[in-house]
Protein backbone atom coordinates (compact mmCIF):
# COMPACT_ATOMS: atom_id res chain seq x y z
CA MET A 1 54.89 46.41 8.32
CA VAL A 2 54.06 49.30 7.11
CA GLY A 3 52.21 49.23 3.76
CA THR A 4 50.85 45.63 3.90
CA GLU A 5 48.47 43.91 5.26
CA SER A 6 48.61 42.05 8.24
CA ARG A 7 47.32 38.47 8.79
CA ILE A 8 47.20 36.28 12.05
CA PHE A 9 47.92 33.10 9.91
CA PRO A 10 50.13 33.00 6.62
CA ASP A 11 47.73 31.44 4.83
CA ASP A 12 44.41 33.37 5.68
CA ARG A 13 43.20 34.45 2.44
CA PRO A 14 41.81 37.90 1.69
CA ALA A 15 38.46 38.21 2.58
CA SER A 16 37.32 39.13 -0.80
CA LEU A 17 37.21 36.21 -3.35
CA GLY A 18 38.18 38.27 -6.43
CA GLY A 19 36.21 39.45 -9.41
CA CYS A 20 37.08 35.79 -11.50
CA ALA A 21 35.90 33.72 -8.66
CA GLU A 22 33.07 35.86 -7.69
CA GLU A 23 31.77 35.40 -11.41
CA THR A 24 32.56 31.80 -11.34
CA VAL A 25 30.05 31.30 -8.31
CA LYS A 26 27.42 33.70 -10.06
CA ARG A 27 27.52 31.67 -13.06
CA ILE A 28 27.33 28.16 -11.39
CA PHE A 29 24.17 29.35 -8.92
CA LEU A 30 22.64 30.73 -12.58
CA LEU A 31 22.99 27.60 -13.78
CA ALA A 32 22.32 25.00 -10.83
CA ALA A 33 19.53 26.68 -10.15
CA PRO A 34 17.32 26.05 -13.03
CA ILE A 35 18.80 22.65 -13.29
CA ALA A 36 17.36 22.10 -9.45
CA LEU A 37 13.79 23.76 -10.62
CA ILE A 38 13.81 21.36 -13.65
CA ALA A 39 14.39 18.14 -11.60
CA ALA A 40 12.15 19.29 -8.72
CA LEU A 41 9.14 20.05 -11.55
CA VAL A 42 10.10 16.56 -13.08
CA TYR A 43 9.57 14.81 -9.56
CA ALA A 44 6.37 16.23 -8.74
CA ALA A 45 5.13 15.79 -12.38
CA THR A 46 6.40 12.11 -12.03
CA LEU A 47 4.90 11.73 -8.04
CA PHE A 48 1.51 13.25 -9.87
CA PHE A 49 0.81 11.33 -12.28
CA GLU A 50 2.21 7.88 -10.12
CA LEU A 51 -0.64 8.67 -7.61
CA LEU A 52 -3.04 10.04 -10.01
CA PRO A 53 -5.39 6.80 -10.41
CA ILE A 54 -5.23 6.25 -6.72
CA TRP A 55 -6.42 9.84 -6.11
CA HIS A 56 -9.11 9.12 -8.89
CA ILE A 57 -10.43 5.97 -7.15
CA GLY A 58 -10.05 7.17 -3.98
CA ASN A 59 -10.69 5.02 -0.70
CA GLY A 60 -14.35 5.09 -1.04
CA PRO A 61 -16.83 1.90 -0.82
CA ASP A 62 -16.29 1.02 -4.48
CA ALA A 63 -12.54 1.77 -4.40
CA GLY A 64 -11.96 -2.36 -4.40
CA LEU A 65 -14.91 -2.43 -7.15
CA GLN A 66 -12.90 0.05 -9.64
CA TRP A 67 -9.80 -1.45 -9.04
CA LEU A 68 -11.15 -4.50 -9.80
CA ARG A 69 -13.19 -3.22 -13.36
CA ARG A 70 -9.51 -1.75 -14.26
CA GLU A 71 -8.01 -5.06 -13.36
CA LEU A 72 -10.36 -7.47 -14.80
CA HIS A 73 -12.10 -4.85 -17.67
CA LEU A 74 -15.21 -5.68 -16.24
CA SER A 75 -18.28 -4.65 -18.14
CA ASP A 76 -20.78 -2.37 -16.71
CA PRO A 77 -23.17 -5.34 -16.45
CA GLN A 78 -20.38 -7.11 -14.43
CA LEU A 79 -19.80 -4.43 -12.31
CA ALA A 80 -23.11 -4.07 -11.08
CA ALA A 81 -24.00 -7.83 -10.43
CA ILE A 82 -20.42 -7.80 -8.27
CA ALA A 83 -20.92 -4.67 -6.47
CA ARG A 84 -24.81 -6.24 -5.15
CA LEU A 85 -22.48 -9.09 -4.22
CA GLN A 86 -20.15 -7.39 -2.42
CA GLU A 87 -23.06 -5.57 -0.68
CA ALA A 88 -24.71 -8.77 0.26
CA TYR A 89 -21.20 -10.21 1.36
CA ARG A 90 -19.98 -6.88 3.45
CA PRO A 91 -22.22 -7.29 6.71
CA ARG A 92 -21.28 -10.80 7.31
CA CYS A 93 -17.77 -9.80 6.81
CA GLN A 94 -17.74 -7.41 9.14
CA ALA A 95 -19.53 -9.35 11.70
CA MET A 96 -16.95 -12.41 11.16
CA CYS A 97 -14.23 -9.48 11.38
CA ARG A 98 -15.95 -8.54 14.57
CA GLN A 99 -16.20 -12.28 16.11
CA ILE A 100 -12.67 -12.84 15.02
CA LEU A 101 -11.50 -9.75 16.89
CA ALA A 102 -12.80 -10.71 20.14
CA ALA A 103 -11.81 -13.97 20.28
CA ASP A 104 -8.36 -12.74 19.63
CA SER A 105 -8.86 -10.34 22.73
CA LYS A 106 -9.89 -13.18 24.79
CA LEU A 107 -7.23 -15.57 23.86
CA GLU A 108 -4.64 -12.66 24.41
CA ALA A 109 -6.16 -12.06 27.94
CA LEU A 110 -5.78 -15.41 28.65
CA LEU A 111 -2.37 -15.90 27.41
CA ARG A 112 -1.49 -12.82 29.73
CA GLN A 113 -3.28 -14.25 32.65
CA ASN A 114 -1.52 -17.83 32.67
CA ARG A 115 1.87 -19.04 32.32
CA SER A 116 0.88 -22.51 31.12
CA ILE A 117 -1.08 -23.68 28.76
CA THR A 118 -4.68 -24.24 30.51
CA PRO A 119 -7.86 -26.13 29.04
CA GLU A 120 -8.96 -22.31 28.93
CA ILE A 121 -6.36 -21.13 26.35
CA LEU A 122 -6.90 -24.63 24.53
CA ALA A 123 -10.53 -24.00 23.95
CA ALA A 124 -9.47 -19.85 23.31
CA MET A 125 -6.96 -21.11 20.37
CA ALA A 126 -9.41 -23.91 18.84
CA GLU A 127 -12.44 -20.84 19.28
CA CYS A 128 -10.22 -18.46 16.94
CA ASP A 129 -9.19 -21.29 14.78
CA ARG A 130 -12.85 -22.29 13.84
CA LEU A 131 -13.60 -18.35 13.29
CA ARG A 132 -10.85 -18.32 10.71
CA SER A 133 -11.83 -21.11 8.97
CA ASP A 134 -15.79 -20.21 8.97
CA CYS A 135 -14.51 -17.12 7.50
CA ARG A 136 -11.89 -18.07 5.28
CA GLN A 137 -15.15 -20.47 4.27
CA ALA A 138 -17.54 -17.71 3.71
CA PHE A 139 -14.79 -15.69 1.31
CA LEU A 140 -14.12 -18.60 -0.50
CA GLN A 141 -18.04 -19.26 -1.47
CA HIS A 142 -18.43 -15.37 -1.99
CA VAL A 143 -15.63 -15.39 -4.50
CA TYR A 144 -16.97 -18.16 -6.33
CA ALA A 145 -20.11 -16.05 -6.74
CA VAL A 146 -18.20 -13.61 -8.27
CA THR A 147 -16.29 -15.73 -10.48
CA GLY A 148 -19.90 -16.77 -11.51
CA LYS A 149 -20.51 -13.13 -13.06
CA LEU A 150 -16.83 -13.36 -15.18
CA SER A 151 -15.81 -14.84 -18.27
CA PRO A 152 -13.19 -17.97 -18.16
CA GLN A 153 -10.41 -15.74 -18.59
CA GLN A 154 -11.61 -13.25 -16.33
CA GLN A 155 -12.10 -16.15 -13.76
CA GLN A 156 -8.68 -17.28 -14.05
CA HIS A 157 -6.92 -13.74 -13.36
CA TYR A 158 -9.39 -13.41 -10.76
CA LEU A 159 -8.86 -16.07 -8.86
CA THR A 160 -4.86 -15.86 -9.54
CA LEU A 161 -5.27 -12.75 -7.57
CA VAL A 162 -7.09 -13.78 -4.50
CA ALA A 163 -5.53 -16.99 -4.13
CA ASP A 164 -2.67 -16.22 -1.47
CA GLU A 165 -5.79 -14.26 0.71
CA LEU A 166 -7.94 -17.92 0.25
CA LEU A 167 -4.93 -19.45 1.45
CA GLY A 168 -4.14 -17.19 4.21
CA LEU A 169 -0.87 -16.23 2.72
CA VAL A 170 1.22 -12.78 2.71
CA PRO A 171 0.99 -11.78 -1.60
CA THR A 172 4.67 -12.76 -2.84
CA PRO A 173 5.64 -11.04 -6.00
CA SER A 174 5.34 -13.34 -9.36
CA PRO A 175 6.12 -12.48 -12.95
CA GLY A 176 3.29 -10.55 -14.39
CA ARG A 177 1.87 -9.46 -10.86
CA ASN A 178 2.52 -6.33 -8.70
CA ALA A 179 3.56 -6.96 -5.13
CA SER A 180 1.76 -3.56 -4.55
CA SER A 181 -1.10 -4.05 -5.81
CA GLY A 182 -3.65 -6.06 -4.43
CA PRO A 183 -7.72 -7.66 -4.42
């Protein structure tokens, strides 16, 4: 066939899309690129402003106090008093946590070694329960010491915030309470 394009298959298209089709593709790209860029900027700005309070507070030792300050609208004297209580409670809390971890490790080792309930396992379970109970009691004493520095309205809100932790429950969302925020 002289003068005609040779095609292997009948529906092969020529290599060029033609001037009109190429212009359409360019226009779509020129329109889509700025839209994608704007969408990415809006997403980045939203993420930035969503995370800004978290970055501002940080993960320092007083991050929880700063959160509590905002959540309960604490005055400077209230915050200072609660910070003192927190500092006094922290060593006791850390010591109890270490004891609980050690007791859990001992119980885990006993469970791995035995294939039935033994007196040692029962004693280790009782020790884990006792330590957790002691920890909850100490935490409750701390919570009531903190509430002593709050107004009645703040007390009620604070007790609502820490109730699940006091009961040993996983926090669940409730009306007016964000599940992702914690005490």
